[in-house]
Amino acid sequence: MIESKKRLLLLILWTGLLSSPIVAKVELLQRLGVTPTQIKSKNFSLNFVKGGEGKLSDYRGKWVLLNFWATWCGPCRKEMPTLESVAQEFKGGNLQVLGVSVDQGPVGLVKKYLKETGITFPNFHDAKSKVSLIYQATAIPSVYIISPDGYLAGVFRGGKSWETDEVLQTLKELVAFKSLKELHGGQIAKTSEGFSFPKELAPPVMKIKKGKGSLKEGDVYNLSVEIKWSGNSRRYLIKVPRITLPKGIELKKVWSSTMQKNGQSILEYHYPLALKEAGSYRLGPLELSYKSRAGGLEQFSRHPGFDLVVKKAWGKMRWGSLIGGILCLMGLISLFILKKKAKKKLTPLKGPHFFINENLLSSLKKMKMEGKQRDYTQGLIEWNKKLSIEKGLDGKEEEELLELHKYGGAKIDDLKIRFFERRLEDEIKKEEL
């Protein structure tokens, strides 16, 4: 009887020892706040921010904290220094912190941020969102815990301080396990070799639905932003996505609609945009912020935006502008006709002294008939001076007469006046011949 009790006691103790790693696993992951998973991680290759290329598999044999972040994400910027503390704490040990920047465009801005904040752990640059789409890290910040044997052990979404004593102690206990299988007490769920992310962990995804057709100033452009995610639609508290708009485009009242499609919850926001002015515009970026109803900090998703061309609305001109334009056009046509007639009438005779013509002589005689004797005399002398110079003479005589007439007030002899008149008349006759 005593022997049977001993055997039963040993069996209970042995069962407790076998089950203790499972309890430890649950406690560790729960203490870190991560959602546990048991799926094979997906290897990838990306360029480092500081240059060179690296792979996730290069860190096989260590626990990895894989952090997806961006420089424009506020919670990410707060979280990064705490991850640097973890990197320093486990430097040379069994845990490696890796960053994946999802910033689009040149790497220079990311490099500058890492330098200014003193972040030393390796960071990849996922400029084309190749890896973030595979890991469904469309919401940032997100930290993925990867085991030494290449399994995704858990996911944490949202900002977090990783440098507290409690978190550091939990991580030290975690890295004592050499594999996910060991963490799970020697057993692990059978998984396929392909990477399949659990639907319940998929974050909301933002998609832009752009209208088609040409746009003109005065139109209202209806932009739709579709947000969809798998699972229960009540898991998240979602804010209205913010859109950055340029001058010349005005946002009207935003409204939303919801629906279910193929097991997915879809929330659609509608943005009526009044196109005030013609031009080429950049709409965006668009930023979506949300958080889990279970608690935690906000998470962010971003769309870079798109280009929009607004044409001039010629067909919607005001009547006043239209009439004004017609009158202006009529005026220009009339002016053109008058100028053409005047040009035809005033066309000078061809020859070496083509500026001497009937029109010139007529205008001078008209002055005389209107009693503008002073103007007539001055014009007569000036044209004779020009004619003398054209003929190779110095024109000094005419110049002296002009000085006496204009400034001295002297009266020019009638015989001289008649000489100048006959001279111009004779010149015209020569041109006609």
Protein backbone atom coordinates (compact mmCIF):
# COMPACT_ATOMS: atom_id res chain seq x y z
CA MET A 1 0.00 0.00 0.00
CA ILE A 2 2.79 2.36 0.95
CA GLU A 3 4.66 1.41 -2.22
CA SER A 4 1.60 2.26 -4.37
CA LYS A 5 1.32 5.70 -2.75
CA LYS A 6 4.97 6.38 -3.47
CA ARG A 7 4.52 5.44 -7.13
CA LEU A 8 1.45 7.71 -7.40
CA LEU A 9 3.36 10.63 -5.82
CA LEU A 10 6.30 10.18 -8.22
CA LEU A 11 3.88 10.10 -11.17
CA ILE A 12 2.26 13.38 -10.07
CA LEU A 13 5.66 15.04 -9.62
CA TRP A 14 6.90 13.80 -13.02
CA THR A 15 3.70 15.02 -14.73
CA GLY A 16 4.18 18.44 -13.08
CA LEU A 17 7.76 18.65 -14.34
CA LEU A 18 6.68 17.81 -17.89
CA SER A 19 3.90 20.38 -17.84
CA SER A 20 5.96 23.23 -16.31
CA PRO A 21 7.45 24.47 -19.65
CA ILE A 22 3.90 24.90 -21.02
CA VAL A 23 2.92 27.01 -18.02
CA ALA A 24 6.11 29.01 -18.44
CA LYS A 25 5.30 29.57 -22.12
CA VAL A 26 1.86 30.92 -21.37
CA GLU A 27 3.16 33.14 -18.60
CA LEU A 28 6.05 34.52 -20.66
CA LEU A 29 4.00 35.44 -23.69
CA GLN A 30 1.18 36.84 -21.61
CA ARG A 31 3.61 38.90 -19.55
CA LEU A 32 5.07 40.35 -22.75
CA GLY A 33 1.58 41.11 -24.04
CA VAL A 34 2.09 39.27 -27.31
CA THR A 35 -0.44 37.08 -29.13
CA PRO A 36 1.16 33.61 -29.42
CA THR A 37 1.49 31.84 -32.77
CA GLN A 38 3.11 28.63 -33.99
CA ILE A 39 3.84 29.19 -37.67
CA LYS A 40 7.01 29.05 -39.72
CA SER A 41 8.50 32.49 -40.28
CA LYS A 42 9.11 33.70 -43.83
CA ASN A 43 12.73 34.38 -44.70
CA PHE A 44 13.49 37.60 -46.58
CA SER A 45 16.38 39.59 -47.97
CA LEU A 46 16.59 43.41 -47.79
CA ASN A 47 19.16 46.18 -47.87
CA PHE A 48 20.30 47.60 -44.55
CA VAL A 49 19.77 51.32 -43.94
CA LYS A 50 23.52 51.75 -43.43
CA GLY A 51 24.32 49.79 -46.63
CA GLY A 52 24.81 46.17 -47.61
CA GLU A 53 22.30 43.36 -47.76
CA GLY A 54 21.09 40.96 -45.10
CA LYS A 55 18.62 38.14 -44.47
CA LEU A 56 16.41 37.15 -41.59
CA SER A 57 17.94 33.67 -41.73
CA ASP A 58 21.36 35.21 -40.88
CA TYR A 59 20.11 35.38 -37.27
CA ARG A 60 18.93 31.78 -37.04
CA GLY A 61 19.85 30.28 -33.66
CA LYS A 62 18.83 33.45 -31.75
CA TRP A 63 15.56 34.89 -30.56
CA VAL A 64 14.68 37.88 -32.71
CA LEU A 65 12.53 40.93 -31.97
CA LEU A 66 11.57 42.06 -35.49
CA ASN A 67 10.20 45.60 -35.30
CA PHE A 68 8.28 47.23 -38.19
CA TRP A 69 8.37 51.02 -37.87
CA ALA A 70 8.60 54.39 -39.73
CA THR A 71 10.08 57.82 -39.01
CA TRP A 72 6.67 59.52 -39.45
CA CYS A 73 5.03 57.28 -36.81
CA GLY A 74 4.89 58.96 -33.37
CA PRO A 75 4.56 55.77 -31.25
CA CYS A 76 7.40 54.21 -33.29
CA ARG A 77 9.72 57.09 -32.43
CA LYS A 78 8.93 56.64 -28.73
CA GLU A 79 9.41 52.87 -28.87
CA MET A 80 12.72 52.75 -30.79
CA PRO A 81 14.98 53.96 -27.91
CA THR A 82 13.48 51.29 -25.62
CA LEU A 83 14.32 48.62 -28.18
CA GLU A 84 17.86 50.03 -28.30
CA SER A 85 18.05 49.40 -24.54
CA VAL A 86 17.05 45.76 -25.16
CA ALA A 87 19.71 45.48 -27.89
CA GLN A 88 22.39 46.76 -25.49
CA GLU A 89 21.19 44.51 -22.67
CA PHE A 90 21.46 41.36 -24.82
CA LYS A 91 24.48 42.41 -26.89
CA GLY A 92 26.46 39.27 -27.79
CA GLY A 93 23.73 37.08 -26.28
CA ASN A 94 20.86 34.93 -27.52
CA LEU A 95 18.52 37.77 -28.49
CA GLN A 96 18.82 40.08 -31.50
CA VAL A 97 16.76 43.23 -32.13
CA LEU A 98 16.12 43.95 -35.83
CA GLY A 99 14.26 46.89 -37.34
CA VAL A 100 12.38 47.12 -40.64
CA SER A 101 11.73 50.70 -41.75
CA VAL A 102 8.67 50.96 -43.99
CA ASP A 103 9.49 54.56 -44.99
CA GLN A 104 9.01 55.03 -48.72
CA GLY A 105 11.47 56.94 -50.87
CA PRO A 106 15.18 57.59 -50.28
CA VAL A 107 16.91 56.00 -47.31
CA GLY A 108 18.60 59.25 -46.27
CA LEU A 109 15.84 60.38 -43.89
CA VAL A 110 15.85 57.01 -42.09
CA LYS A 111 19.64 57.05 -41.81
CA LYS A 112 19.53 60.57 -40.36
CA TYR A 113 16.94 59.58 -37.73
CA LEU A 114 18.93 56.51 -36.61
CA LYS A 115 22.08 58.63 -36.30
CA GLU A 116 20.39 61.44 -34.36
CA THR A 117 18.70 59.06 -31.90
CA GLY A 118 21.70 56.78 -31.40
CA ILE A 119 19.98 53.61 -32.64
CA THR A 120 22.69 51.01 -33.27
CA PHE A 121 20.83 47.72 -33.82
CA PRO A 122 20.54 46.62 -37.50
CA ASN A 123 17.71 48.14 -39.53
CA PHE A 124 16.45 47.02 -42.92
CA HIS A 125 14.79 49.41 -45.39
CA ASP A 126 11.56 48.04 -46.86
CA ALA A 127 10.94 50.97 -49.25
CA LYS A 128 8.56 48.99 -51.49
CA SER A 129 6.68 47.29 -48.60
CA LYS A 130 7.74 43.86 -49.87
CA VAL A 131 8.32 42.33 -46.43
CA SER A 132 5.71 44.33 -44.51
CA LEU A 133 3.01 42.99 -46.85
CA ILE A 134 4.18 39.39 -46.33
CA TYR A 135 4.06 39.83 -42.55
CA GLN A 136 0.89 41.94 -42.79
CA ALA A 137 2.67 44.70 -40.92
CA THR A 138 0.53 47.39 -42.53
CA ALA A 139 -0.07 48.68 -39.00
CA ILE A 140 2.90 50.10 -37.14
CA PRO A 141 4.57 49.79 -34.77
CA SER A 142 4.46 45.99 -34.73
CA VAL A 143 6.96 43.63 -33.08
CA TYR A 144 7.25 40.00 -34.20
CA ILE A 145 9.01 37.52 -31.89
CA ILE A 146 10.85 34.84 -33.87
CA SER A 147 12.29 31.74 -32.21
CA PRO A 148 15.83 30.38 -32.74
CA ASP A 149 14.41 27.53 -34.87
CA GLY A 150 12.68 29.95 -37.26
CA TYR A 151 9.11 30.04 -35.95
CA LEU A 152 6.94 33.10 -35.41
CA ALA A 153 6.29 32.77 -31.68
CA GLY A 154 4.12 35.82 -31.20
CA VAL A 155 3.01 39.27 -32.40
CA PHE A 156 2.65 42.53 -30.52
CA ARG A 157 0.93 45.46 -32.21
CA GLY A 158 1.16 49.04 -30.95
CA GLY A 159 3.81 51.01 -29.10
CA LYS A 160 5.40 49.59 -25.96
CA SER A 161 8.27 50.28 -23.60
CA TRP A 162 10.62 47.29 -23.83
CA GLU A 163 13.16 48.57 -21.30
CA THR A 164 11.22 48.11 -18.05
CA ASP A 165 12.67 45.71 -15.48
CA GLU A 166 9.67 43.40 -15.87
CA VAL A 167 10.01 43.15 -19.66
CA LEU A 168 13.78 42.66 -19.54
CA GLN A 169 13.43 39.91 -16.95
CA THR A 170 10.73 38.17 -19.03
CA LEU A 171 12.96 38.32 -22.14
CA LYS A 172 15.83 36.78 -20.15
CA GLU A 173 13.57 33.89 -19.19
CA LEU A 174 12.40 33.55 -22.81
CA VAL A 175 15.89 33.27 -24.31
CA ALA A 176 16.65 30.38 -21.99
CA PHE A 177 14.54 28.24 -24.32
CA LYS A 178 16.43 27.06 -27.39
CA SER A 179 13.42 26.54 -29.63
CA LEU A 180 9.70 27.16 -29.90
CA LYS A 181 9.15 23.44 -29.44
CA GLU A 182 10.98 23.55 -26.14
CA LEU A 183 8.97 26.62 -25.13
CA HIS A 184 5.79 24.62 -25.83
CA GLY A 185 6.85 21.73 -23.64
CA GLY A 186 8.20 19.52 -26.42
CA GLN A 187 5.13 19.73 -28.62
CA ILE A 188 4.26 22.08 -31.44
CA ALA A 189 1.36 22.27 -33.84
CA LYS A 190 1.95 20.83 -37.29
CA THR A 191 2.29 23.62 -39.85
CA SER A 192 2.85 23.73 -43.59
CA GLU A 193 6.10 25.04 -44.97
CA GLY A 194 4.29 27.99 -46.57
CA PHE A 195 3.88 31.16 -44.56
CA SER A 196 0.23 31.70 -43.62
CA PHE A 197 -0.58 34.55 -41.25
CA PRO A 198 -3.51 33.99 -38.84
CA LYS A 199 -6.58 35.93 -39.97
CA GLU A 200 -7.44 37.01 -36.44
CA LEU A 201 -4.09 38.84 -36.24
CA ALA A 202 -4.43 40.62 -39.58
CA PRO A 203 -4.61 44.40 -39.03
CA PRO A 204 -7.00 46.71 -40.91
CA VAL A 205 -5.84 47.44 -44.46
CA MET A 206 -6.49 50.79 -46.14
CA LYS A 207 -7.25 50.89 -49.87
CA ILE A 208 -7.87 53.95 -52.05
CA LYS A 209 -10.71 53.86 -54.58
CA LYS A 210 -10.16 56.61 -57.14
CA GLY A 211 -12.82 57.87 -59.51
CA LYS A 212 -12.38 57.66 -63.28
CA GLY A 213 -12.73 60.23 -66.05
CA SER A 214 -11.35 63.72 -66.60
CA LEU A 215 -11.86 66.36 -63.91
CA LYS A 216 -12.53 70.08 -64.32
CA GLU A 217 -12.47 72.97 -61.88
CA GLY A 218 -15.85 73.34 -60.22
CA ASP A 219 -16.39 69.56 -60.12
CA VAL A 220 -16.79 67.54 -56.92
CA TYR A 221 -14.43 64.55 -56.86
CA ASN A 222 -15.65 61.62 -54.74
CA LEU A 223 -12.70 59.85 -53.12
CA SER A 224 -13.40 56.61 -51.23
CA VAL A 225 -11.12 55.00 -48.64
CA GLU A 226 -11.88 51.34 -48.00
CA ILE A 227 -10.78 49.75 -44.72
CA LYS A 228 -11.14 46.01 -44.39
CA TRP A 229 -9.94 43.31 -42.02
CA SER A 230 -10.66 39.69 -41.18
CA GLY A 231 -12.55 38.54 -38.15
CA ASN A 232 -14.75 40.46 -35.74
CA SER A 233 -15.36 44.05 -36.85
CA ARG A 234 -15.74 45.12 -33.22
CA ARG A 235 -12.11 44.30 -32.35
CA TYR A 236 -10.85 47.75 -33.32
CA LEU A 237 -11.63 51.36 -32.55
CA ILE A 238 -10.96 53.12 -35.85
CA LYS A 239 -10.62 56.86 -36.38
CA VAL A 240 -11.54 58.67 -39.59
CA PRO A 241 -8.45 58.55 -41.86
CA ARG A 242 -6.74 61.91 -42.23
CA ILE A 243 -5.87 63.18 -45.69
CA THR A 244 -3.45 66.00 -46.53
CA LEU A 245 -4.92 68.27 -49.21
CA PRO A 246 -3.21 71.00 -51.26
CA LYS A 247 -4.49 74.54 -51.72
CA GLY A 248 -7.12 74.63 -54.44
CA ILE A 249 -8.98 71.51 -53.20
CA GLU A 250 -11.55 71.78 -50.40
CA LEU A 251 -12.91 68.89 -48.31
CA LYS A 252 -16.68 68.73 -47.78
CA LYS A 253 -18.51 66.65 -45.17
CA VAL A 254 -17.10 63.10 -44.79
CA TRP A 255 -19.52 60.20 -44.46
CA SER A 256 -19.12 56.42 -44.05
CA SER A 257 -20.77 53.09 -44.86
CA THR A 258 -20.21 49.50 -43.67
CA MET A 259 -20.69 46.05 -45.14
CA GLN A 260 -19.62 42.39 -44.92
CA LYS A 261 -18.06 40.68 -47.95
CA ASN A 262 -16.58 37.15 -48.11
CA GLY A 263 -16.26 37.03 -44.35
CA GLN A 264 -14.48 40.36 -44.15
CA SER A 265 -15.70 43.52 -42.44
CA ILE A 266 -15.48 46.53 -44.74
CA LEU A 267 -15.73 50.13 -43.60
CA GLU A 268 -15.74 52.77 -46.33
CA TYR A 269 -15.18 56.50 -45.84
CA HIS A 270 -16.29 58.91 -48.55
CA TYR A 271 -14.51 62.24 -49.10
CA PRO A 272 -16.31 64.77 -51.36
CA LEU A 273 -13.54 67.07 -52.65
CA ALA A 274 -14.47 70.42 -54.23
CA LEU A 275 -12.02 71.20 -57.05
CA LYS A 276 -11.66 74.97 -56.79
CA GLU A 277 -8.78 75.60 -59.18
CA ALA A 278 -7.24 73.93 -62.23
CA GLY A 279 -3.77 72.40 -61.85
CA SER A 280 -1.76 69.27 -61.04
CA TYR A 281 -2.07 68.19 -57.42
CA ARG A 282 -0.69 65.59 -55.01
CA LEU A 283 -3.38 64.24 -52.65
CA GLY A 284 -2.06 62.64 -49.50
CA PRO A 285 -0.56 61.06 -47.61
CA LEU A 286 -3.53 59.37 -45.93
CA GLU A 287 -3.08 58.19 -42.33
CA LEU A 288 -5.23 55.66 -40.50
CA SER A 289 -4.99 55.34 -36.73
CA TYR A 290 -6.76 52.74 -34.60
CA LYS A 291 -6.35 50.64 -31.48
CA SER A 292 -7.66 47.39 -30.09
CA ARG A 293 -10.74 47.50 -27.90
CA ALA A 294 -8.79 45.28 -25.53
CA GLY A 295 -6.49 48.23 -24.83
CA GLY A 296 -3.05 49.36 -25.82
CA LEU A 297 -1.62 52.29 -27.74
CA GLU A 298 -2.67 53.54 -31.15
CA GLN A 299 -1.38 51.88 -34.30
CA PHE A 300 -0.91 53.57 -37.64
CA SER A 301 -1.21 52.71 -41.29
CA ARG A 302 -0.28 55.07 -44.11
CA HIS A 303 -0.97 55.43 -47.83
CA PRO A 304 1.45 57.68 -49.79
CA GLY A 305 -1.36 59.30 -51.79
CA PHE A 306 -1.76 59.87 -55.52
CA ASP A 307 -1.65 62.52 -58.25
CA LEU A 308 -4.70 64.34 -59.57
CA VAL A 309 -5.03 66.61 -62.64
CA VAL A 310 -7.80 69.22 -62.74
CA LYS A 311 -8.46 70.88 -66.10
CA LYS A 312 -9.71 74.38 -66.82
CA ALA A 313 -13.51 74.50 -67.05
CA TRP A 314 -13.88 76.45 -70.29
CA GLY A 315 -17.47 75.29 -70.69
CA LYS A 316 -18.45 76.85 -67.36
CA MET A 317 -17.32 80.42 -67.93
CA ARG A 318 -19.55 83.16 -66.54
CA TRP A 319 -21.72 85.04 -69.01
CA GLY A 320 -19.96 88.28 -68.19
CA SER A 321 -16.59 86.75 -69.00
CA LEU A 322 -17.99 85.22 -72.17
CA ILE A 323 -19.50 88.52 -73.42
CA GLY A 324 -16.37 90.39 -72.44
CA GLY A 325 -14.29 87.91 -74.37
CA ILE A 326 -16.50 88.27 -77.47
CA LEU A 327 -16.35 92.09 -77.33
CA CYS A 328 -12.60 91.97 -76.87
CA LEU A 329 -12.29 89.65 -79.87
CA MET A 330 -14.50 91.94 -82.00
CA GLY A 331 -12.37 94.91 -80.99
CA LEU A 332 -9.20 93.13 -82.02
CA ILE A 333 -10.71 92.18 -85.38
CA SER A 334 -11.84 95.78 -86.01
CA LEU A 335 -8.40 97.09 -85.08
CA PHE A 336 -6.80 94.60 -87.41
CA ILE A 337 -9.05 95.66 -90.32
CA LEU A 338 -8.39 99.37 -89.69
CA LYS A 339 -4.67 98.82 -89.53
CA LYS A 340 -4.75 96.82 -92.72
CA LYS A 341 -6.65 99.60 -94.50
CA ALA A 342 -4.33 102.27 -93.15
CA LYS A 343 -1.33 100.25 -94.19
CA LYS A 344 -2.72 99.90 -97.69
CA LYS A 345 -3.52 103.65 -97.88
CA LEU A 346 -0.19 104.76 -96.48
CA THR A 347 1.97 102.42 -98.48
CA PRO A 348 4.86 104.66 -99.59
CA LEU A 349 6.23 104.82 -103.13
CA LYS A 350 9.19 102.60 -103.72
CA GLY A 351 12.51 104.38 -104.24
CA PRO A 352 15.52 105.77 -102.44
CA HIS A 353 13.45 108.43 -100.55
CA PHE A 354 10.26 106.42 -100.00
CA PHE A 355 9.38 108.41 -96.86
CA ILE A 356 8.47 111.36 -99.14
CA ASN A 357 4.95 110.70 -100.48
CA GLU A 358 1.58 112.24 -101.18
CA ASN A 359 0.29 111.42 -97.72
CA LEU A 360 3.14 113.31 -96.12
CA LEU A 361 2.53 116.37 -98.26
CA SER A 362 -1.22 116.22 -97.63
CA SER A 363 -0.72 116.11 -93.86
CA LEU A 364 1.52 119.18 -94.03
CA LYS A 365 -0.97 121.10 -96.18
CA LYS A 366 -3.75 120.17 -93.76
CA MET A 367 -1.82 121.85 -90.94
CA LYS A 368 -1.53 124.97 -93.07
CA MET A 369 -5.26 125.00 -93.86
CA GLU A 370 -6.16 124.57 -90.18
CA GLY A 371 -4.07 127.66 -89.32
CA LYS A 372 -1.31 125.69 -87.61
CA GLN A 373 1.34 127.74 -89.36
CA ARG A 374 4.04 127.19 -86.78
CA ASP A 375 3.63 123.39 -86.85
CA TYR A 376 3.44 123.42 -90.64
CA THR A 377 6.69 125.40 -91.00
CA GLN A 378 8.52 123.21 -88.49
CA GLY A 379 7.39 120.00 -90.23
CA LEU A 380 8.31 121.33 -93.64
CA ILE A 381 11.83 122.23 -92.53
CA GLU A 382 12.33 118.89 -90.70
CA TRP A 383 11.36 116.80 -93.73
CA ASN A 384 13.63 118.89 -95.96
CA LYS A 385 16.47 118.37 -93.52
CA LYS A 386 15.89 114.59 -93.67
CA LEU A 387 15.80 114.73 -97.46
CA SER A 388 19.09 116.65 -97.57
CA ILE A 389 20.77 114.08 -95.37
CA GLU A 390 19.39 111.26 -97.55
CA LYS A 391 20.91 112.98 -100.59
CA GLY A 392 24.34 113.17 -98.95
CA LEU A 393 24.16 116.81 -97.79
CA ASP A 394 24.87 117.89 -94.22
CA GLY A 395 21.45 119.51 -93.58
CA LYS A 396 23.04 122.36 -91.65
CA GLU A 397 20.95 125.03 -93.38
CA GLU A 398 17.71 123.37 -92.35
CA GLU A 399 19.11 122.80 -88.83
CA GLU A 400 19.87 126.53 -88.44
CA LEU A 401 16.41 127.51 -89.71
CA LEU A 402 14.85 125.08 -87.19
CA GLU A 403 16.84 126.65 -84.36
CA LEU A 404 15.70 130.16 -85.36
CA HIS A 405 12.08 129.03 -85.80
CA LYS A 406 11.73 126.84 -82.69
CA TYR A 407 13.78 128.72 -80.14
CA GLY A 408 14.36 132.17 -81.64
CA GLY A 409 10.79 132.76 -82.76
CA ALA A 410 12.02 134.05 -86.12
CA LYS A 411 9.69 134.05 -89.12
CA ILE A 412 10.98 132.07 -92.09
CA ASP A 413 11.00 133.91 -95.43
CA ASP A 414 8.02 133.05 -97.67
CA LEU A 415 10.33 132.40 -100.62
CA LYS A 416 12.22 129.85 -98.52
CA ILE A 417 8.97 128.22 -97.47
CA ARG A 418 7.89 127.99 -101.08
CA PHE A 419 11.28 126.51 -102.03
CA PHE A 420 10.90 123.76 -99.44
CA GLU A 421 7.37 122.99 -100.67
CA ARG A 422 8.48 122.77 -104.33
CA ARG A 423 11.41 120.60 -103.33
CA LEU A 424 9.16 117.99 -101.72
CA GLU A 425 6.68 118.13 -104.62
CA ASP A 426 9.45 117.60 -107.16
CA GLU A 427 10.77 114.64 -105.20
CA ILE A 428 7.34 113.01 -105.26
CA LYS A 429 7.11 113.49 -109.03
CA LYS A 430 10.49 111.81 -109.44
CA GLU A 431 9.33 108.83 -107.41
CA GLU A 432 6.19 108.50 -109.52
CA LEU A 433 8.26 108.37 -112.71
